Amino acid sequence: MKKIIMKKIIMKKIIILLAIFLTYTSLIAQEGNPLVKIYSNFNYDLSTEDGNAFKEFKIERSYMGYHYKFNDEFSTKVLFDVGITSGSAYTAFLKVAALKWKYNENMTFNIGMIGTKNFKFQEKVWGKRYIEKSAQDKYSWASSADAGFSLDYKIGKLLLDAQILNGEGYKKSQSDNGMFRGGLGMIYPIMENIIIRLHQDFNPRNEYGENDDIQTITTASIKYSSGDLIFGAEQGIMQNADNVSEQDKDIVSIYASYALSGFTMFARYDDLSSDGDWNIDNEGTFTIVGVEKQMTKGVTVSLNMQTWKGAAKRSVKEETLFLNLEYKF
């Protein structure tokens, strides 16, 4: 009974939040842009052989927000992330509440609850967030948003970026140790159709024992495009994972898409490993193969197969058929 009452309270809060949001945006829509994006899917587990396959319709995530431009220098963005936390309970989190200052044509500052730089480039190249997160996001190497400060600086074709963050992500407040997480990165177009991205993430230790050390994530990514073909690849190396000395792990993610006759065919391959297999229960390979079609502006549908094969002995391959939908305005 308590669970039912709690679910009703949560749903009422979401409805009230949505009503306030829609009322607010309707009043000042002429001065800014409302943002709404919804990810939903139907999935069917093909791994079960006894005829009792798990299947469900699911609203995976909904984003509701607003972008407002004060002038040519200052703008702001607010974004709520509504998703499932447990069972059928939906929870709204403040994902972005950022002030952007375009100091000049080469330098931009962001402060507040901001989008992080860790895997933003890779997510854009992958381009199918409504189907699955990019690798470092999916495997919880970093958060897509956090409270902090970031800087972008352009020198010719070279784009440099830096960030200082709480390090807890947008769903948690700063930890008691008060340590910040930092990052430095660069994007450079080697050729017109080849772009590279390098990034270094630093997560300091809060204890100074014999086995404690600073955690670093070094990432190298590349995008290649030619006509209707887009290819991306990334490798991430996490050293001293969870601030434990010499506890290292790796991610390799490769993805490609090809547009043909109104459809886009795509595939992705992820490989997770660790030095000495200390994290073998969470290691393995993940693949997605599918096709997508933009039905109209703002509406995209995809049919795809997702497969996970754990690296541990006797791991059973998990295969799931997905029908994904993205609708946004």
Protein backbone atom coordinates (compact mmCIF):
# COMPACT_ATOMS: atom_id res chain seq x y z
CA MET A 1 0.00 0.00 0.00
CA LYS A 2 2.84 2.40 0.88
CA LYS A 3 4.49 1.74 -2.51
CA ILE A 4 1.23 2.51 -4.35
CA ILE A 5 0.78 5.77 -2.39
CA MET A 6 4.40 6.74 -3.05
CA LYS A 7 4.04 6.10 -6.79
CA LYS A 8 0.90 8.27 -6.89
CA ILE A 9 2.75 11.10 -5.11
CA ILE A 10 5.64 10.86 -7.56
CA MET A 11 3.34 10.91 -10.57
CA LYS A 12 1.47 13.94 -9.16
CA LYS A 13 4.78 15.78 -8.75
CA ILE A 14 5.72 15.02 -12.35
CA ILE A 15 2.33 16.21 -13.62
CA ILE A 16 2.60 19.43 -11.60
CA LEU A 17 6.16 19.99 -12.85
CA LEU A 18 5.06 19.45 -16.45
CA ALA A 19 2.09 21.81 -16.04
CA ILE A 20 4.31 24.55 -14.61
CA PHE A 21 6.84 24.02 -17.38
CA LEU A 22 4.26 24.20 -20.17
CA THR A 23 2.59 27.27 -18.67
CA TYR A 24 5.91 29.05 -18.28
CA THR A 25 7.11 28.28 -21.79
CA SER A 26 3.79 29.32 -23.31
CA LEU A 27 4.12 32.74 -21.67
CA ILE A 28 7.66 33.50 -22.86
CA ALA A 29 8.05 31.24 -25.88
CA GLN A 30 8.54 34.30 -28.06
CA GLU A 31 11.80 35.04 -26.20
CA GLY A 32 13.32 31.57 -25.97
CA ASN A 33 13.03 27.93 -27.00
CA PRO A 34 11.29 25.13 -25.06
CA LEU A 35 13.04 21.77 -25.27
CA VAL A 36 11.27 18.41 -25.08
CA LYS A 37 12.80 15.04 -25.96
CA ILE A 38 11.39 11.57 -25.22
CA TYR A 39 13.02 8.13 -25.59
CA SER A 40 10.74 5.09 -25.57
CA ASN A 41 11.06 1.48 -26.70
CA PHE A 42 9.59 -1.99 -26.91
CA ASN A 43 12.09 -4.74 -26.10
CA TYR A 44 11.86 -8.52 -26.33
CA ASP A 45 14.37 -10.90 -24.71
CA LEU A 46 15.45 -13.55 -27.23
CA SER A 47 17.80 -15.34 -24.83
CA THR A 48 15.10 -17.38 -23.09
CA GLU A 49 14.36 -20.80 -24.57
CA ASP A 50 11.44 -21.84 -22.36
CA GLY A 51 8.89 -19.57 -24.04
CA ASN A 52 8.66 -17.18 -21.07
CA ALA A 53 10.67 -14.38 -22.65
CA PHE A 54 10.65 -11.02 -20.88
CA LYS A 55 9.09 -8.22 -22.93
CA GLU A 56 7.95 -4.69 -22.16
CA PHE A 57 6.95 -1.28 -23.40
CA LYS A 58 9.13 1.34 -21.75
CA ILE A 59 9.43 5.11 -21.51
CA GLU A 60 13.17 5.16 -21.03
CA ARG A 61 13.70 8.86 -20.53
CA SER A 62 12.13 12.27 -21.01
CA TYR A 63 13.92 15.62 -21.12
CA MET A 64 12.07 18.90 -20.57
CA GLY A 65 13.82 22.22 -20.59
CA TYR A 66 14.15 25.76 -21.81
CA HIS A 67 16.86 27.83 -23.52
CA TYR A 68 16.88 31.61 -23.19
CA LYS A 69 19.22 34.12 -24.83
CA PHE A 70 19.71 37.39 -22.92
CA ASN A 71 21.91 38.96 -25.59
CA ASP A 72 24.77 38.03 -27.92
CA GLU A 73 27.04 37.29 -24.94
CA PHE A 74 24.85 35.65 -22.29
CA SER A 75 22.39 32.76 -22.50
CA THR A 76 21.01 30.15 -20.11
CA LYS A 77 19.60 26.64 -20.29
CA VAL A 78 17.53 24.62 -17.83
CA LEU A 79 16.89 20.91 -18.42
CA PHE A 80 15.06 18.31 -16.32
CA ASP A 81 15.79 14.60 -16.78
CA VAL A 82 12.84 12.32 -15.93
CA GLY A 83 13.61 8.61 -15.84
CA ILE A 84 13.00 5.33 -14.08
CA THR A 85 14.95 4.86 -10.86
CA SER A 86 13.33 1.64 -9.60
CA GLY A 87 10.37 -0.36 -10.82
CA SER A 88 7.84 2.00 -12.38
CA ALA A 89 8.74 5.01 -10.24
CA TYR A 90 9.77 8.03 -12.33
CA THR A 91 12.04 10.64 -10.76
CA ALA A 92 12.88 14.11 -12.07
CA PHE A 93 16.46 15.39 -11.75
CA LEU A 94 17.77 18.84 -12.56
CA LYS A 95 20.34 17.93 -15.22
CA VAL A 96 21.32 21.33 -16.57
CA ALA A 97 21.01 24.80 -15.01
CA ALA A 98 23.82 26.64 -16.74
CA LEU A 99 24.81 30.18 -17.60
CA LYS A 100 26.83 30.55 -20.81
CA TRP A 101 29.06 33.57 -21.40
CA LYS A 102 30.47 34.02 -24.90
CA TYR A 103 33.35 36.32 -24.00
CA ASN A 104 34.44 36.68 -27.63
CA GLU A 105 34.51 34.65 -30.84
CA ASN A 106 37.24 32.39 -29.43
CA MET A 107 36.39 31.98 -25.74
CA THR A 108 33.24 30.69 -23.98
CA PHE A 109 32.54 30.03 -20.29
CA ASN A 110 29.85 27.80 -18.72
CA ILE A 111 28.98 27.73 -15.03
CA GLY A 112 26.32 26.00 -12.93
CA MET A 113 24.96 22.53 -13.55
CA ILE A 114 26.66 22.02 -16.90
CA GLY A 115 27.08 19.37 -19.56
CA THR A 116 30.46 17.69 -19.12
CA LYS A 117 33.15 17.27 -21.77
CA ASN A 118 34.17 13.65 -21.03
CA PHE A 119 32.26 11.92 -23.84
CA LYS A 120 30.28 14.69 -25.54
CA PHE A 121 32.28 14.33 -28.78
CA GLN A 122 31.82 10.55 -28.88
CA GLU A 123 28.09 10.84 -28.17
CA LYS A 124 27.63 13.19 -31.13
CA VAL A 125 29.59 10.88 -33.46
CA TRP A 126 27.62 7.82 -32.27
CA GLY A 127 24.48 9.92 -32.81
CA LYS A 128 21.96 7.43 -31.41
CA ARG A 129 21.56 8.31 -27.76
CA TYR A 130 17.87 7.34 -27.88
CA ILE A 131 18.97 3.74 -28.59
CA GLU A 132 21.91 3.51 -26.18
CA LYS A 133 24.34 5.76 -24.34
CA SER A 134 27.89 6.18 -25.62
CA ALA A 135 30.44 3.84 -24.05
CA GLN A 136 31.82 5.86 -21.12
CA ASP A 137 28.30 6.97 -20.20
CA LYS A 138 26.83 3.46 -20.47
CA TYR A 139 29.51 1.90 -18.25
CA SER A 140 29.47 4.77 -15.71
CA TRP A 141 33.00 6.06 -16.23
CA ALA A 142 31.76 9.63 -15.95
CA SER A 143 28.54 11.64 -15.77
CA SER A 144 27.01 13.57 -18.66
CA ALA A 145 26.36 16.59 -16.40
CA ASP A 146 27.72 17.95 -13.13
CA ALA A 147 27.94 21.13 -11.09
CA GLY A 148 31.01 23.13 -11.98
CA PHE A 149 32.75 25.34 -14.51
CA SER A 150 34.01 24.82 -18.07
CA LEU A 151 35.97 26.80 -20.64
CA ASP A 152 36.21 26.48 -24.43
CA TYR A 153 38.99 28.27 -26.29
CA LYS A 154 39.56 28.25 -30.04
CA ILE A 155 42.94 28.79 -31.70
CA GLY A 156 42.52 28.57 -35.44
CA LYS A 157 41.19 25.08 -36.14
CA LEU A 158 42.18 23.80 -32.69
CA LEU A 159 39.47 23.76 -29.99
CA LEU A 160 40.69 23.44 -26.40
CA ASP A 161 38.49 22.78 -23.35
CA ALA A 162 38.86 22.52 -19.60
CA GLN A 163 36.47 21.76 -16.75
CA ILE A 164 36.38 21.70 -12.95
CA LEU A 165 33.48 19.71 -11.46
CA ASN A 166 32.16 18.46 -8.15
CA GLY A 167 32.65 14.98 -9.58
CA GLU A 168 29.44 13.43 -8.21
CA GLY A 169 27.25 13.85 -11.31
CA TYR A 170 23.93 15.68 -11.50
CA LYS A 171 22.00 13.18 -9.35
CA LYS A 172 24.10 13.70 -6.22
CA SER A 173 25.37 16.64 -4.20
CA GLN A 174 29.05 17.22 -3.47
CA SER A 175 30.62 14.54 -1.24
CA ASP A 176 31.88 15.32 2.25
CA ASN A 177 35.54 15.29 1.13
CA GLY A 178 34.94 18.34 -1.08
CA MET A 179 37.33 17.12 -3.79
CA PHE A 180 36.95 18.42 -7.35
CA ARG A 181 37.21 16.42 -10.59
CA GLY A 182 38.99 18.05 -13.52
CA GLY A 183 39.54 17.55 -17.21
CA LEU A 184 41.48 18.87 -20.20
CA GLY A 185 40.76 18.17 -23.85
CA MET A 186 41.23 19.13 -27.46
CA ILE A 187 39.45 18.67 -30.81
CA TYR A 188 41.32 19.06 -34.08
CA PRO A 189 40.28 18.44 -37.71
CA ILE A 190 43.24 16.67 -39.33
CA MET A 191 41.43 16.85 -42.66
CA GLU A 192 38.03 18.11 -43.74
CA ASN A 193 36.48 14.68 -43.07
CA ILE A 194 38.70 13.45 -40.20
CA ILE A 195 38.44 14.88 -36.68
CA ILE A 196 40.32 13.70 -33.60
CA ARG A 197 39.53 14.21 -29.93
CA LEU A 198 41.89 13.76 -26.95
CA HIS A 199 40.79 14.12 -23.32
CA GLN A 200 42.31 13.59 -19.88
CA ASP A 201 40.10 13.29 -16.80
CA PHE A 202 41.46 13.59 -13.24
CA ASN A 203 39.69 12.33 -10.13
CA PRO A 204 41.85 12.98 -7.00
CA ARG A 205 42.13 10.59 -4.08
CA ASN A 206 40.66 11.61 -0.73
CA GLU A 207 42.77 9.20 1.30
CA TYR A 208 46.54 8.73 1.34
CA GLY A 209 47.02 5.07 2.13
CA GLU A 210 49.56 2.78 0.47
CA ASN A 211 47.09 1.68 -2.22
CA ASP A 212 45.40 5.05 -2.82
CA ASP A 213 46.14 7.07 -5.95
CA ILE A 214 44.62 9.63 -8.32
CA GLN A 215 42.25 8.11 -10.89
CA THR A 216 42.81 9.21 -14.48
CA ILE A 217 40.88 8.50 -17.68
CA THR A 218 42.71 9.03 -20.97
CA THR A 219 40.51 9.01 -24.06
CA ALA A 220 41.33 9.15 -27.76
CA SER A 221 38.51 9.38 -30.33
CA ILE A 222 38.19 9.83 -34.06
CA LYS A 223 35.44 10.66 -36.53
CA TYR A 224 35.62 9.89 -40.24
CA SER A 225 32.90 10.89 -42.70
CA SER A 226 32.57 10.35 -46.42
CA GLY A 227 29.27 11.02 -48.18
CA ASP A 228 26.61 8.91 -46.44
CA LEU A 229 29.16 7.02 -44.31
CA ILE A 230 30.06 8.02 -40.74
CA PHE A 231 32.66 6.04 -38.78
CA GLY A 232 33.75 6.58 -35.19
CA ALA A 233 36.12 4.88 -32.78
CA GLU A 234 37.30 5.54 -29.25
CA GLN A 235 39.56 4.02 -26.65
CA GLY A 236 39.43 4.89 -22.98
CA ILE A 237 42.00 3.84 -20.38
CA MET A 238 41.11 4.23 -16.71
CA GLN A 239 44.15 4.04 -14.43
CA ASN A 240 43.81 3.53 -10.68
CA ALA A 241 40.07 2.88 -10.96
CA ASP A 242 38.11 3.98 -7.88
CA ASN A 243 41.39 5.55 -6.69
CA VAL A 244 42.95 2.13 -6.08
CA SER A 245 46.59 2.01 -7.20
CA GLU A 246 47.41 -0.16 -10.27
CA GLN A 247 43.76 -1.10 -10.78
CA ASP A 248 43.32 -0.36 -14.49
CA LYS A 249 40.62 -1.04 -17.09
CA ASP A 250 39.92 -0.29 -20.75
CA ILE A 251 37.05 0.45 -23.12
CA VAL A 252 37.16 0.20 -26.91
CA SER A 253 34.06 1.28 -28.83
CA ILE A 254 33.65 1.27 -32.63
CA TYR A 255 30.54 2.40 -34.49
CA ALA A 256 29.47 3.19 -38.04
CA SER A 257 26.36 4.22 -39.96
CA TYR A 258 25.44 4.39 -43.64
CA ALA A 259 22.43 6.22 -45.10
CA LEU A 260 20.71 4.48 -48.01
CA SER A 261 17.33 5.16 -49.66
CA GLY A 262 15.77 6.95 -46.70
CA PHE A 263 17.07 4.45 -44.13
CA THR A 264 20.24 4.40 -42.03
CA MET A 265 21.99 1.12 -41.29
CA PHE A 266 24.27 1.11 -38.26
CA ALA A 267 26.41 -1.11 -36.07
CA ARG A 268 28.39 -0.76 -32.86
CA TYR A 269 30.90 -2.90 -30.97
CA ASP A 270 32.11 -2.32 -27.37
CA ASP A 271 34.84 -4.27 -25.61
CA LEU A 272 35.50 -3.96 -21.87
CA SER A 273 38.59 -5.39 -20.19
CA SER A 274 40.84 -4.91 -17.16
CA ASP A 275 44.48 -5.61 -16.36
CA GLY A 276 44.66 -8.99 -14.66
CA ASP A 277 40.88 -9.46 -15.04
CA TRP A 278 40.25 -7.92 -11.61
CA ASN A 279 36.91 -6.62 -12.93
CA ILE A 280 35.99 -9.66 -15.02
CA ASP A 281 32.39 -9.87 -13.72
CA ASN A 282 31.71 -6.54 -15.43
CA GLU A 283 33.73 -7.21 -18.59
CA GLY A 284 32.64 -8.49 -21.97
CA THR A 285 31.49 -7.40 -25.40
CA PHE A 286 28.39 -5.47 -26.38
CA THR A 287 27.05 -5.13 -29.92
CA ILE A 288 24.20 -3.32 -31.63
CA VAL A 289 23.11 -3.93 -35.23
CA GLY A 290 20.08 -2.20 -36.68
CA VAL A 291 18.33 0.18 -39.02
CA GLU A 292 16.65 3.53 -38.38
CA LYS A 293 14.39 5.90 -40.26
CA GLN A 294 13.37 9.49 -39.68
CA MET A 295 9.60 9.40 -40.08
CA THR A 296 9.26 13.19 -40.04
CA LYS A 297 11.08 16.11 -38.47
CA GLY A 298 11.56 15.25 -34.78
CA VAL A 299 10.43 11.62 -35.01
CA THR A 300 12.91 8.75 -35.50
CA VAL A 301 12.33 5.00 -35.19
CA SER A 302 14.83 2.13 -35.08
CA LEU A 303 14.68 -1.66 -35.13
CA ASN A 304 17.84 -3.21 -33.70
CA MET A 305 19.38 -6.22 -31.99
CA GLN A 306 21.50 -5.72 -28.86
CA THR A 307 23.80 -8.45 -27.58
CA TRP A 308 25.91 -8.75 -24.42
CA LYS A 309 28.44 -11.55 -23.82
CA GLY A 310 30.21 -11.49 -20.46
CA ALA A 311 33.91 -12.31 -20.25
CA ALA A 312 33.53 -14.53 -17.18
CA LYS A 313 33.40 -18.29 -17.67
CA ARG A 314 29.94 -19.79 -18.20
CA SER A 315 28.53 -16.38 -19.07
CA VAL A 316 25.34 -16.67 -21.10
CA LYS A 317 24.91 -14.50 -24.18
CA GLU A 318 22.02 -12.05 -23.76
CA GLU A 319 20.16 -11.05 -26.95
CA THR A 320 17.37 -8.47 -26.98
CA LEU A 321 15.31 -7.15 -29.88
CA PHE A 322 14.49 -3.43 -29.59
CA LEU A 323 12.09 -1.08 -31.30
CA ASN A 324 13.25 2.41 -30.26
CA LEU A 325 11.47 5.72 -30.72
CA GLU A 326 12.72 9.28 -30.32
CA TYR A 327 10.35 12.22 -30.56
CA LYS A 328 11.44 15.77 -29.85
CA PHE A 329 10.44 19.38 -30.40
